[in-house]
Amino acid sequence: MRNFPIAPEAFPFFILLGALSIGTWFFDFKIASLILLFIGGWVLWFFRNPVRTIPDDSQSIVSPADGKVVEIHEEEEDVYCKERVIRVSIFLNIFNVHINRIPFTGKIMKTGFIPGRYLPAMKPSASQENHRHAILIQTATGQQMLVVQIVGLIARRIRCWVETGDQVTRGDRFGLIQFGSRVDTFLPIDVKLQVQVGDHVKGGSSVLGEFV
């Protein structure tokens, strides 16, 4: 089901909206019915799950999300990586694909939810204060990278389909965030970055950086 053109998480919303649309049409509230049907179609579009071409270069680290690079910052990550890293923050608006993808092949070493607030995802403080879910990946050569799914003002639910111990492949779908959000990727300090603030990236196909 993870390769289906629409993420399965869309269907409860669509079924509810479809039922309400039929009910309002039956009671002769035709304009309301059409509005509900339009919203249902938008929900299916929002949960779209496109096929992406994954770069062939074995050293490339791909973007985990669609959106705009809003921040690149060198910092100490002392919870999961426990080392100095480069954080690349990507903002996803409501028009972006919200399926998240694995940036590099490896093993899931740790996952964890961090409860928090629902600040607008564009705010830099969202990385530290908002409700979020982290996955720590270790490559075959022992390098680490951390991907953090972060809710925003509108987004209220994070879905993650991988668990500690799973072997994952670069470009694999691993989760989604419902309705506007942020994804932070913490990369090893010696990675050669291929993006800058303001760039628009696509999950699974755009290259964030390369191992050297």
N, C-alpha and C. Protein backbone atom coordinates (compact mmCIF):
# COMPACT_ATOMS: atom_id res chain seq x y z
N MET A 1 0.82 -1.22 0.00
CA MET A 1 0.00 0.00 0.00
C MET A 1 0.85 1.27 0.00
N ARG A 2 2.12 1.18 0.44
CA ARG A 2 2.95 2.37 0.49
C ARG A 2 3.32 2.87 -0.90
N ASN A 3 3.15 2.03 -1.94
CA ASN A 3 3.43 2.44 -3.31
C ASN A 3 2.17 2.88 -4.04
N PHE A 4 1.03 2.85 -3.36
CA PHE A 4 -0.24 3.25 -3.97
C PHE A 4 -0.19 4.75 -4.26
N PRO A 5 -0.81 5.22 -5.35
CA PRO A 5 -0.74 6.66 -5.71
C PRO A 5 -1.29 7.61 -4.66
N ILE A 6 -2.17 7.11 -3.79
CA ILE A 6 -2.72 7.91 -2.70
C ILE A 6 -2.36 7.22 -1.38
N ALA A 7 -1.82 7.98 -0.42
CA ALA A 7 -1.49 7.39 0.88
C ALA A 7 -2.77 6.91 1.56
N PRO A 8 -2.76 5.71 2.16
CA PRO A 8 -3.97 5.15 2.79
C PRO A 8 -4.57 6.05 3.87
N GLU A 9 -3.76 6.89 4.48
CA GLU A 9 -4.25 7.79 5.53
C GLU A 9 -5.30 8.77 5.02
N ALA A 10 -5.41 8.91 3.68
CA ALA A 10 -6.39 9.84 3.10
C ALA A 10 -7.82 9.31 3.18
N PHE A 11 -7.97 8.00 3.17
CA PHE A 11 -9.29 7.42 2.95
C PHE A 11 -10.31 7.69 4.07
N PRO A 12 -9.93 7.68 5.35
CA PRO A 12 -10.92 8.03 6.38
C PRO A 12 -11.49 9.44 6.19
N PHE A 13 -10.61 10.39 5.83
CA PHE A 13 -11.09 11.76 5.58
C PHE A 13 -12.02 11.79 4.37
N PHE A 14 -11.62 11.09 3.30
CA PHE A 14 -12.40 11.12 2.07
C PHE A 14 -13.76 10.45 2.25
N ILE A 15 -13.78 9.34 2.97
CA ILE A 15 -15.05 8.63 3.21
C ILE A 15 -16.01 9.50 4.02
N LEU A 16 -15.47 10.16 5.05
CA LEU A 16 -16.31 11.03 5.86
C LEU A 16 -16.87 12.19 5.04
N LEU A 17 -16.01 12.84 4.28
CA LEU A 17 -16.46 13.96 3.47
C LEU A 17 -17.43 13.51 2.38
N GLY A 18 -17.17 12.33 1.82
CA GLY A 18 -18.08 11.79 0.80
C GLY A 18 -19.46 11.52 1.38
N ALA A 19 -19.49 10.95 2.58
CA ALA A 19 -20.78 10.66 3.22
C ALA A 19 -21.54 11.94 3.54
N LEU A 20 -20.80 12.95 4.02
CA LEU A 20 -21.45 14.23 4.31
C LEU A 20 -21.95 14.90 3.03
N SER A 21 -21.20 14.76 1.95
CA SER A 21 -21.61 15.33 0.68
C SER A 21 -22.89 14.68 0.18
N ILE A 22 -22.98 13.37 0.28
CA ILE A 22 -24.19 12.66 -0.14
C ILE A 22 -25.37 13.05 0.73
N GLY A 23 -25.13 13.14 2.05
CA GLY A 23 -26.21 13.51 2.97
C GLY A 23 -26.75 14.90 2.71
N THR A 24 -25.86 15.87 2.52
CA THR A 24 -26.33 17.24 2.27
C THR A 24 -27.02 17.35 0.92
N TRP A 25 -26.59 16.58 -0.07
CA TRP A 25 -27.27 16.58 -1.38
C TRP A 25 -28.68 16.01 -1.22
N PHE A 26 -28.81 14.95 -0.44
CA PHE A 26 -30.11 14.31 -0.22
C PHE A 26 -31.10 15.29 0.42
N PHE A 27 -30.59 16.14 1.34
CA PHE A 27 -31.45 17.11 2.02
C PHE A 27 -31.52 18.45 1.27
N ASP A 28 -31.09 18.41 0.01
CA ASP A 28 -31.22 19.55 -0.91
C ASP A 28 -30.32 20.73 -0.55
N PHE A 29 -29.19 20.46 0.12
CA PHE A 29 -28.18 21.50 0.35
C PHE A 29 -27.07 21.29 -0.69
N LYS A 30 -27.41 21.59 -1.94
CA LYS A 30 -26.54 21.20 -3.05
C LYS A 30 -25.21 21.96 -3.06
N ILE A 31 -25.24 23.24 -2.72
CA ILE A 31 -23.99 24.01 -2.70
C ILE A 31 -23.05 23.45 -1.63
N ALA A 32 -23.59 23.19 -0.45
CA ALA A 32 -22.77 22.60 0.62
C ALA A 32 -22.23 21.24 0.20
N SER A 33 -23.06 20.47 -0.50
CA SER A 33 -22.64 19.15 -0.96
C SER A 33 -21.47 19.25 -1.93
N LEU A 34 -21.54 20.20 -2.85
CA LEU A 34 -20.46 20.38 -3.83
C LEU A 34 -19.18 20.86 -3.15
N ILE A 35 -19.32 21.73 -2.15
CA ILE A 35 -18.14 22.20 -1.41
C ILE A 35 -17.46 21.03 -0.70
N LEU A 36 -18.26 20.19 -0.06
CA LEU A 36 -17.71 19.03 0.63
C LEU A 36 -17.03 18.08 -0.35
N LEU A 37 -17.62 17.92 -1.52
CA LEU A 37 -17.03 17.04 -2.54
C LEU A 37 -15.70 17.61 -3.03
N PHE A 38 -15.66 18.95 -3.18
CA PHE A 38 -14.42 19.60 -3.59
C PHE A 38 -13.33 19.39 -2.53
N ILE A 39 -13.69 19.55 -1.26
CA ILE A 39 -12.72 19.35 -0.18
C ILE A 39 -12.22 17.91 -0.17
N GLY A 40 -13.14 16.97 -0.43
CA GLY A 40 -12.75 15.56 -0.49
C GLY A 40 -11.74 15.30 -1.60
N GLY A 41 -11.94 15.95 -2.75
CA GLY A 41 -10.98 15.81 -3.85
C GLY A 41 -9.64 16.41 -3.50
N TRP A 42 -9.67 17.56 -2.77
CA TRP A 42 -8.42 18.18 -2.36
C TRP A 42 -7.66 17.28 -1.39
N VAL A 43 -8.39 16.60 -0.50
CA VAL A 43 -7.74 15.69 0.46
C VAL A 43 -7.00 14.58 -0.29
N LEU A 44 -7.65 14.00 -1.31
CA LEU A 44 -6.97 12.96 -2.10
C LEU A 44 -5.72 13.51 -2.76
N TRP A 45 -5.81 14.73 -3.27
CA TRP A 45 -4.65 15.35 -3.91
C TRP A 45 -3.56 15.62 -2.90
N PHE A 46 -3.92 16.08 -1.70
CA PHE A 46 -2.93 16.37 -0.66
C PHE A 46 -2.15 15.11 -0.29
N PHE A 47 -2.83 13.97 -0.22
CA PHE A 47 -2.19 12.73 0.18
C PHE A 47 -1.58 11.96 -1.00
N ARG A 48 -1.33 12.66 -2.10
CA ARG A 48 -0.75 12.00 -3.28
C ARG A 48 0.62 11.41 -2.94
N ASN A 49 0.95 10.35 -3.61
CA ASN A 49 2.15 9.57 -3.28
C ASN A 49 2.91 9.27 -4.58
N PRO A 50 3.57 10.28 -5.16
CA PRO A 50 4.17 10.11 -6.49
C PRO A 50 5.40 9.21 -6.49
N VAL A 51 5.65 8.62 -7.66
CA VAL A 51 6.87 7.85 -7.87
C VAL A 51 8.01 8.84 -8.11
N ARG A 52 9.15 8.59 -7.53
CA ARG A 52 10.30 9.46 -7.70
C ARG A 52 11.49 8.65 -8.22
N THR A 53 12.31 9.30 -9.04
CA THR A 53 13.55 8.69 -9.54
C THR A 53 14.66 8.98 -8.55
N ILE A 54 15.21 7.93 -7.95
CA ILE A 54 16.25 8.07 -6.94
C ILE A 54 17.62 8.18 -7.63
N PRO A 55 18.45 9.15 -7.27
CA PRO A 55 19.78 9.30 -7.91
C PRO A 55 20.61 8.02 -7.79
N ASP A 56 21.40 7.75 -8.83
CA ASP A 56 22.22 6.53 -8.87
C ASP A 56 23.48 6.64 -8.03
N ASP A 57 23.98 7.84 -7.81
CA ASP A 57 25.24 8.04 -7.09
C ASP A 57 25.14 7.49 -5.67
N SER A 58 25.95 6.50 -5.35
CA SER A 58 25.86 5.82 -4.06
C SER A 58 26.24 6.70 -2.88
N GLN A 59 26.88 7.84 -3.12
CA GLN A 59 27.29 8.73 -2.04
C GLN A 59 26.30 9.87 -1.80
N SER A 60 25.27 9.94 -2.61
CA SER A 60 24.31 11.04 -2.50
C SER A 60 23.33 10.83 -1.35
N ILE A 61 23.04 11.91 -0.65
CA ILE A 61 22.03 11.93 0.41
C ILE A 61 20.83 12.70 -0.13
N VAL A 62 19.69 12.04 -0.22
CA VAL A 62 18.53 12.68 -0.85
C VAL A 62 17.66 13.40 0.18
N SER A 63 16.88 14.32 -0.31
CA SER A 63 15.98 15.06 0.57
C SER A 63 14.90 14.13 1.13
N PRO A 64 14.58 14.25 2.41
CA PRO A 64 13.52 13.43 2.99
C PRO A 64 12.13 14.00 2.73
N ALA A 65 12.05 15.20 2.14
CA ALA A 65 10.75 15.84 2.00
C ALA A 65 10.74 16.81 0.82
N ASP A 66 9.53 17.09 0.34
CA ASP A 66 9.32 18.16 -0.63
C ASP A 66 9.19 19.47 0.13
N GLY A 67 9.65 20.56 -0.46
CA GLY A 67 9.47 21.85 0.20
C GLY A 67 10.60 22.81 -0.08
N LYS A 68 10.71 23.80 0.78
CA LYS A 68 11.71 24.86 0.63
C LYS A 68 12.72 24.78 1.77
N VAL A 69 14.00 24.85 1.43
CA VAL A 69 15.05 24.88 2.44
C VAL A 69 15.01 26.26 3.12
N VAL A 70 14.68 26.26 4.40
CA VAL A 70 14.52 27.54 5.11
C VAL A 70 15.66 27.83 6.08
N GLU A 71 16.47 26.83 6.38
CA GLU A 71 17.56 27.05 7.33
C GLU A 71 18.63 25.98 7.16
N ILE A 72 19.89 26.40 7.21
CA ILE A 72 21.03 25.49 7.27
C ILE A 72 21.92 25.99 8.40
N HIS A 73 22.18 25.09 9.37
CA HIS A 73 22.86 25.56 10.58
C HIS A 73 23.77 24.48 11.13
N GLU A 74 24.99 24.84 11.47
CA GLU A 74 25.91 23.91 12.13
C GLU A 74 25.69 24.00 13.63
N GLU A 75 25.51 22.86 14.28
CA GLU A 75 25.19 22.86 15.71
C GLU A 75 25.56 21.53 16.35
N GLU A 76 25.44 21.49 17.66
CA GLU A 76 25.66 20.25 18.43
C GLU A 76 24.31 19.57 18.61
N GLU A 77 24.22 18.30 18.20
CA GLU A 77 22.98 17.54 18.41
C GLU A 77 23.30 16.53 19.51
N ASP A 78 22.78 16.79 20.73
CA ASP A 78 23.21 16.01 21.88
C ASP A 78 22.19 15.00 22.38
N VAL A 79 21.13 14.77 21.62
CA VAL A 79 20.11 13.80 22.04
C VAL A 79 20.27 12.47 21.30
N TYR A 80 20.41 12.51 19.99
CA TYR A 80 20.48 11.29 19.18
C TYR A 80 21.87 11.10 18.56
N CYS A 81 22.33 12.05 17.77
CA CYS A 81 23.64 11.91 17.13
C CYS A 81 24.78 12.05 18.12
N LYS A 82 24.59 12.96 19.08
CA LYS A 82 25.60 13.25 20.11
C LYS A 82 26.93 13.65 19.50
N GLU A 83 26.85 14.53 18.51
CA GLU A 83 28.03 15.06 17.85
C GLU A 83 27.65 16.34 17.11
N ARG A 84 28.64 17.02 16.59
CA ARG A 84 28.39 18.23 15.82
C ARG A 84 27.88 17.85 14.44
N VAL A 85 26.84 18.55 13.98
CA VAL A 85 26.15 18.18 12.74
C VAL A 85 25.79 19.45 11.95
N ILE A 86 25.32 19.23 10.73
CA ILE A 86 24.74 20.29 9.93
C ILE A 86 23.24 20.00 9.83
N ARG A 87 22.43 20.95 10.30
CA ARG A 87 20.97 20.79 10.22
C ARG A 87 20.44 21.50 8.98
N VAL A 88 19.70 20.74 8.16
CA VAL A 88 19.03 21.30 6.99
C VAL A 88 17.53 21.22 7.25
N SER A 89 16.88 22.38 7.33
CA SER A 89 15.45 22.44 7.64
C SER A 89 14.65 22.73 6.38
N ILE A 90 13.62 21.92 6.16
CA ILE A 90 12.76 22.04 4.98
C ILE A 90 11.34 22.33 5.43
N PHE A 91 10.75 23.39 4.90
CA PHE A 91 9.37 23.74 5.21
C PHE A 91 8.45 23.20 4.12
N LEU A 92 7.39 22.50 4.56
CA LEU A 92 6.39 21.96 3.65
C LEU A 92 5.11 22.76 3.79
N ASN A 93 4.66 23.41 2.72
CA ASN A 93 3.36 24.09 2.79
C ASN A 93 2.25 23.11 2.40
N ILE A 94 1.02 23.56 2.40
CA ILE A 94 -0.11 22.64 2.18
C ILE A 94 -0.20 22.17 0.73
N PHE A 95 0.60 22.76 -0.16
CA PHE A 95 0.58 22.34 -1.55
C PHE A 95 1.67 21.32 -1.88
N ASN A 96 2.61 21.11 -0.96
CA ASN A 96 3.68 20.15 -1.19
C ASN A 96 3.22 18.72 -0.95
N VAL A 97 3.90 17.77 -1.60
CA VAL A 97 3.74 16.36 -1.26
C VAL A 97 4.23 16.17 0.17
N HIS A 98 3.47 15.43 0.98
CA HIS A 98 3.82 15.28 2.40
C HIS A 98 4.34 13.89 2.77
N ILE A 99 4.60 13.06 1.76
CA ILE A 99 5.25 11.78 2.01
C ILE A 99 6.73 12.04 2.32
N ASN A 100 7.26 11.39 3.35
CA ASN A 100 8.67 11.55 3.73
C ASN A 100 9.47 10.32 3.30
N ARG A 101 10.75 10.56 2.96
CA ARG A 101 11.59 9.49 2.42
C ARG A 101 12.94 9.39 3.15
N ILE A 102 13.49 8.20 3.12
CA ILE A 102 14.78 7.92 3.76
C ILE A 102 15.90 8.60 2.97
N PRO A 103 16.77 9.39 3.62
CA PRO A 103 17.82 10.09 2.89
C PRO A 103 19.00 9.22 2.45
N PHE A 104 19.27 8.11 3.19
CA PHE A 104 20.44 7.30 2.85
C PHE A 104 20.23 5.88 3.39
N THR A 105 20.77 4.92 2.67
CA THR A 105 20.63 3.51 3.06
C THR A 105 21.33 3.23 4.39
N GLY A 106 20.66 2.44 5.23
CA GLY A 106 21.25 2.09 6.52
C GLY A 106 20.27 1.37 7.41
N LYS A 107 20.49 1.48 8.70
CA LYS A 107 19.67 0.80 9.71
C LYS A 107 19.10 1.83 10.68
N ILE A 108 17.83 1.67 11.02
CA ILE A 108 17.21 2.55 12.01
C ILE A 108 17.73 2.15 13.40
N MET A 109 18.49 3.04 14.01
CA MET A 109 19.09 2.74 15.30
C MET A 109 18.21 3.16 16.48
N LYS A 110 17.41 4.18 16.25
CA LYS A 110 16.58 4.70 17.34
C LYS A 110 15.46 5.55 16.77
N THR A 111 14.31 5.50 17.41
CA THR A 111 13.20 6.39 17.05
C THR A 111 12.63 6.97 18.34
N GLY A 112 11.94 8.09 18.21
CA GLY A 112 11.35 8.66 19.42
C GLY A 112 10.46 9.85 19.16
N PHE A 113 9.37 9.95 19.93
CA PHE A 113 8.48 11.10 19.89
C PHE A 113 8.89 12.10 20.96
N ILE A 114 8.85 13.37 20.59
CA ILE A 114 9.12 14.45 21.55
C ILE A 114 7.89 15.34 21.58
N PRO A 115 7.13 15.34 22.66
CA PRO A 115 5.93 16.18 22.73
C PRO A 115 6.31 17.66 22.74
N GLY A 116 5.43 18.49 22.22
CA GLY A 116 5.73 19.91 22.19
C GLY A 116 4.55 20.75 21.76
N ARG A 117 4.86 21.90 21.17
CA ARG A 117 3.86 22.89 20.82
C ARG A 117 3.48 22.76 19.33
N TYR A 118 2.65 23.70 18.86
CA TYR A 118 2.21 23.74 17.47
C TYR A 118 2.47 25.13 16.89
N LEU A 119 3.72 25.58 17.00
CA LEU A 119 4.11 26.86 16.43
C LEU A 119 4.12 26.74 14.90
N PRO A 120 3.98 27.87 14.18
CA PRO A 120 4.12 27.82 12.73
C PRO A 120 5.45 27.19 12.33
N ALA A 121 5.41 26.26 11.38
CA ALA A 121 6.61 25.49 11.05
C ALA A 121 7.71 26.33 10.42
N MET A 122 7.38 27.52 9.92
CA MET A 122 8.41 28.40 9.36
C MET A 122 9.32 28.99 10.43
N LYS A 123 8.84 29.05 11.66
CA LYS A 123 9.64 29.64 12.74
C LYS A 123 10.85 28.75 13.07
N PRO A 124 12.03 29.30 13.19
CA PRO A 124 13.21 28.50 13.56
C PRO A 124 13.02 27.75 14.88
N SER A 125 12.28 28.35 15.82
CA SER A 125 12.07 27.70 17.13
C SER A 125 11.23 26.44 17.04
N ALA A 126 10.53 26.22 15.90
CA ALA A 126 9.71 25.01 15.74
C ALA A 126 10.56 23.75 15.85
N SER A 127 11.82 23.84 15.42
CA SER A 127 12.71 22.67 15.48
C SER A 127 12.92 22.16 16.89
N GLN A 128 12.87 23.07 17.87
CA GLN A 128 13.13 22.70 19.26
C GLN A 128 11.87 22.64 20.12
N GLU A 129 10.81 23.32 19.71
CA GLU A 129 9.65 23.45 20.59
C GLU A 129 8.42 22.66 20.15
N ASN A 130 8.32 22.33 18.88
CA ASN A 130 7.11 21.67 18.40
C ASN A 130 7.10 20.16 18.64
N HIS A 131 5.93 19.58 18.59
CA HIS A 131 5.75 18.13 18.64
C HIS A 131 6.46 17.52 17.44
N ARG A 132 7.28 16.48 17.66
CA ARG A 132 8.08 15.95 16.57
C ARG A 132 8.44 14.48 16.79
N HIS A 133 8.86 13.85 15.71
CA HIS A 133 9.26 12.45 15.75
C HIS A 133 10.60 12.30 15.05
N ALA A 134 11.53 11.61 15.70
CA ALA A 134 12.90 11.49 15.19
C ALA A 134 13.23 10.04 14.83
N ILE A 135 14.00 9.87 13.75
CA ILE A 135 14.57 8.56 13.44
C ILE A 135 16.07 8.74 13.19
N LEU A 136 16.86 7.92 13.85
CA LEU A 136 18.32 7.95 13.72
C LEU A 136 18.74 6.80 12.82
N ILE A 137 19.47 7.13 11.74
CA ILE A 137 19.92 6.14 10.76
C ILE A 137 21.43 6.01 10.84
N GLN A 138 21.91 4.77 10.84
CA GLN A 138 23.34 4.53 10.78
C GLN A 138 23.66 3.85 9.45
N THR A 139 24.64 4.39 8.72
CA THR A 139 25.02 3.83 7.43
C THR A 139 25.92 2.60 7.63
N ALA A 140 26.19 1.92 6.53
CA ALA A 140 27.04 0.73 6.59
C ALA A 140 28.45 1.06 7.05
N THR A 141 28.88 2.30 6.86
CA THR A 141 30.22 2.71 7.28
C THR A 141 30.24 3.35 8.67
N GLY A 142 29.10 3.32 9.36
CA GLY A 142 29.04 3.81 10.73
C GLY A 142 28.70 5.27 10.91
N GLN A 143 28.45 5.98 9.81
CA GLN A 143 28.05 7.39 9.94
C GLN A 143 26.58 7.50 10.30
N GLN A 144 26.23 8.60 10.96
CA GLN A 144 24.87 8.78 11.44
C GLN A 144 24.21 9.97 10.78
N MET A 145 22.90 9.86 10.60
CA MET A 145 22.10 11.02 10.23
C MET A 145 20.74 10.90 10.89
N LEU A 146 20.20 12.04 11.22
CA LEU A 146 18.94 12.10 11.96
C LEU A 146 17.91 12.82 11.11
N VAL A 147 16.71 12.26 11.03
CA VAL A 147 15.60 12.91 10.34
C VAL A 147 14.50 13.15 11.37
N VAL A 148 14.00 14.38 11.44
CA VAL A 148 12.98 14.74 12.42
C VAL A 148 11.77 15.31 11.70
N GLN A 149 10.63 14.65 11.88
CA GLN A 149 9.35 15.14 11.36
C GLN A 149 8.75 16.07 12.41
N ILE A 150 8.36 17.26 11.98
CA ILE A 150 7.92 18.29 12.93
C ILE A 150 6.55 18.83 12.50
N VAL A 151 5.61 18.87 13.43
CA VAL A 151 4.30 19.43 13.11
C VAL A 151 4.40 20.94 13.01
N GLY A 152 3.35 21.55 12.44
CA GLY A 152 3.27 23.00 12.35
C GLY A 152 2.00 23.51 12.98
N LEU A 153 1.59 24.68 12.58
CA LEU A 153 0.38 25.29 13.11
C LEU A 153 -0.86 24.52 12.67
N ILE A 154 -0.85 24.05 11.41
CA ILE A 154 -2.00 23.32 10.86
C ILE A 154 -1.81 21.81 11.03
N ALA A 155 -0.59 21.33 10.76
CA ALA A 155 -0.34 19.89 10.89
C ALA A 155 -0.51 19.45 12.34
N ARG A 156 -1.22 18.35 12.53
CA ARG A 156 -1.48 17.89 13.89
C ARG A 156 -1.12 16.42 14.10
N ARG A 157 -0.70 15.75 13.06
CA ARG A 157 -0.44 14.32 13.23
C ARG A 157 0.74 13.88 12.38
N ILE A 158 1.63 13.13 13.00
CA ILE A 158 2.79 12.56 12.32
C ILE A 158 2.57 11.06 12.17
N ARG A 159 2.86 10.56 10.98
CA ARG A 159 2.84 9.12 10.73
C ARG A 159 4.26 8.66 10.42
N CYS A 160 4.72 7.63 11.10
CA CYS A 160 6.02 7.04 10.81
C CYS A 160 5.85 5.53 10.68
N TRP A 161 6.33 4.97 9.57
CA TRP A 161 6.09 3.56 9.27
C TRP A 161 7.30 2.67 9.53
N VAL A 162 8.39 3.22 10.07
CA VAL A 162 9.57 2.41 10.35
C VAL A 162 9.80 2.32 11.85
N GLU A 163 10.55 1.30 12.25
CA GLU A 163 10.82 1.07 13.67
C GLU A 163 12.31 0.81 13.87
N THR A 164 12.74 0.89 15.11
CA THR A 164 14.12 0.59 15.46
C THR A 164 14.48 -0.82 14.99
N GLY A 165 15.63 -0.94 14.32
CA GLY A 165 16.09 -2.23 13.80
C GLY A 165 15.80 -2.45 12.34
N ASP A 166 14.91 -1.66 11.75
CA ASP A 166 14.57 -1.82 10.33
C ASP A 166 15.76 -1.43 9.45
N GLN A 167 15.97 -2.22 8.38
CA GLN A 167 16.92 -1.86 7.34
C GLN A 167 16.16 -1.02 6.31
N VAL A 168 16.72 0.10 5.95
CA VAL A 168 16.03 1.02 5.03
C VAL A 168 16.95 1.38 3.87
N THR A 169 16.34 1.75 2.77
CA THR A 169 17.07 2.08 1.56
C THR A 169 16.79 3.52 1.16
N ARG A 170 17.81 4.19 0.69
CA ARG A 170 17.68 5.58 0.24
C ARG A 170 16.49 5.73 -0.70
N GLY A 171 15.62 6.70 -0.39
CA GLY A 171 14.44 6.95 -1.21
C GLY A 171 13.19 6.23 -0.76
N ASP A 172 13.33 5.26 0.18
CA ASP A 172 12.15 4.56 0.70
C ASP A 172 11.19 5.55 1.35
N ARG A 173 9.91 5.31 1.20
CA ARG A 173 8.91 6.09 1.92
C ARG A 173 8.90 5.61 3.38
N PHE A 174 8.96 6.55 4.32
CA PHE A 174 8.96 6.11 5.72
C PHE A 174 7.86 6.76 6.56
N GLY A 175 7.13 7.72 6.01
CA GLY A 175 6.07 8.34 6.81
C GLY A 175 5.48 9.55 6.12
N LEU A 176 4.64 10.27 6.84
CA LEU A 176 4.07 11.51 6.34
C LEU A 176 3.64 12.38 7.51
N ILE A 177 3.45 13.67 7.21
CA ILE A 177 2.92 14.61 8.19
C ILE A 177 1.68 15.22 7.58
N GLN A 178 0.59 15.24 8.33
CA GLN A 178 -0.69 15.67 7.79
C GLN A 178 -0.87 17.18 7.89
N PHE A 179 -0.80 17.83 6.74
CA PHE A 179 -1.25 19.22 6.50
C PHE A 179 -0.27 20.35 6.80
N GLY A 180 0.90 20.39 6.36
CA GLY A 180 1.79 21.56 6.53
C GLY A 180 2.74 21.36 7.69
N SER A 181 4.03 21.44 7.46
CA SER A 181 4.95 20.97 8.50
C SER A 181 6.39 21.34 8.17
N ARG A 182 7.30 20.66 8.84
CA ARG A 182 8.74 20.91 8.70
C ARG A 182 9.48 19.58 8.88
N VAL A 183 10.54 19.39 8.13
CA VAL A 183 11.40 18.21 8.31
C VAL A 183 12.83 18.69 8.44
N ASP A 184 13.49 18.32 9.53
CA ASP A 184 14.89 18.64 9.75
C ASP A 184 15.75 17.40 9.50
N THR A 185 16.85 17.59 8.78
CA THR A 185 17.81 16.51 8.56
C THR A 185 19.15 16.94 9.16
N PHE A 186 19.68 16.11 10.05
CA PHE A 186 20.96 16.39 10.70
C PHE A 186 22.03 15.51 10.04
N LEU A 187 22.96 16.15 9.35
CA LEU A 187 23.95 15.45 8.55
C LEU A 187 25.32 15.50 9.21
N PRO A 188 26.18 14.50 8.92
CA PRO A 188 27.55 14.56 9.43
C PRO A 188 28.24 15.85 9.01
N ILE A 189 29.12 16.34 9.84
CA ILE A 189 29.73 17.65 9.64
C ILE A 189 30.58 17.71 8.37
N ASP A 190 31.09 16.56 7.90
CA ASP A 190 31.97 16.57 6.74
C ASP A 190 31.24 16.32 5.42
N VAL A 191 29.91 16.30 5.44
CA VAL A 191 29.14 16.12 4.21
C VAL A 191 29.29 17.36 3.33
N LYS A 192 29.42 17.15 2.03
CA LYS A 192 29.49 18.25 1.07
C LYS A 192 28.06 18.63 0.66
N LEU A 193 27.60 19.77 1.13
CA LEU A 193 26.22 20.19 0.86
C LEU A 193 26.03 20.57 -0.61
N GLN A 194 24.83 20.25 -1.13
CA GLN A 194 24.47 20.58 -2.50
C GLN A 194 23.26 21.52 -2.56
N VAL A 195 22.82 22.02 -1.41
CA VAL A 195 21.67 22.92 -1.38
C VAL A 195 22.02 24.16 -0.57
N GLN A 196 21.20 25.19 -0.73
CA GLN A 196 21.34 26.40 0.06
C GLN A 196 19.95 26.91 0.43
N VAL A 197 19.91 27.82 1.39
CA VAL A 197 18.64 28.38 1.83
C VAL A 197 17.92 29.02 0.64
N GLY A 198 16.63 28.71 0.53
CA GLY A 198 15.82 29.21 -0.57
C GLY A 198 15.58 28.20 -1.66
N ASP A 199 16.38 27.12 -1.70
CA ASP A 199 16.19 26.08 -2.71
C ASP A 199 14.90 25.32 -2.46
N HIS A 200 14.25 24.89 -3.55
CA HIS A 200 13.09 24.01 -3.46
C HIS A 200 13.55 22.59 -3.79
N VAL A 201 13.17 21.65 -2.96
CA VAL A 201 13.64 20.26 -3.11
C VAL A 201 12.46 19.30 -3.19
N LYS A 202 12.76 18.12 -3.74
CA LYS A 202 11.76 17.06 -3.83
C LYS A 202 12.26 15.83 -3.10
N GLY A 203 11.41 15.25 -2.26
CA GLY A 203 11.78 14.08 -1.49
C GLY A 203 12.15 12.90 -2.37
N GLY A 204 13.32 12.32 -2.09
CA GLY A 204 13.76 11.13 -2.81
C GLY A 204 14.53 11.40 -4.07
N SER A 205 14.39 12.57 -4.67
CA SER A 205 15.08 12.84 -5.93
C SER A 205 16.07 14.00 -5.85
N SER A 206 15.81 14.99 -5.01
CA SER A 206 16.77 16.09 -4.86
C SER A 206 17.90 15.67 -3.92
N VAL A 207 19.12 16.08 -4.23
CA VAL A 207 20.29 15.72 -3.42
C VAL A 207 20.58 16.85 -2.43
N LEU A 208 20.59 16.51 -1.13
CA LEU A 208 20.95 17.48 -0.10
C LEU A 208 22.46 17.64 0.01
N GLY A 209 23.17 16.51 -0.11
CA GLY A 209 24.61 16.53 0.05
C GLY A 209 25.22 15.22 -0.37
N GLU A 210 26.55 15.14 -0.26
CA GLU A 210 27.27 13.94 -0.65
C GLU A 210 28.35 13.62 0.37
N PHE A 211 28.54 12.32 0.62
CA PHE A 211 29.67 11.89 1.44
C PHE A 211 30.94 12.04 0.61
N VAL A 212 32.01 12.49 1.25
CA VAL A 212 33.28 12.69 0.53
C VAL A 212 34.37 11.80 1.14
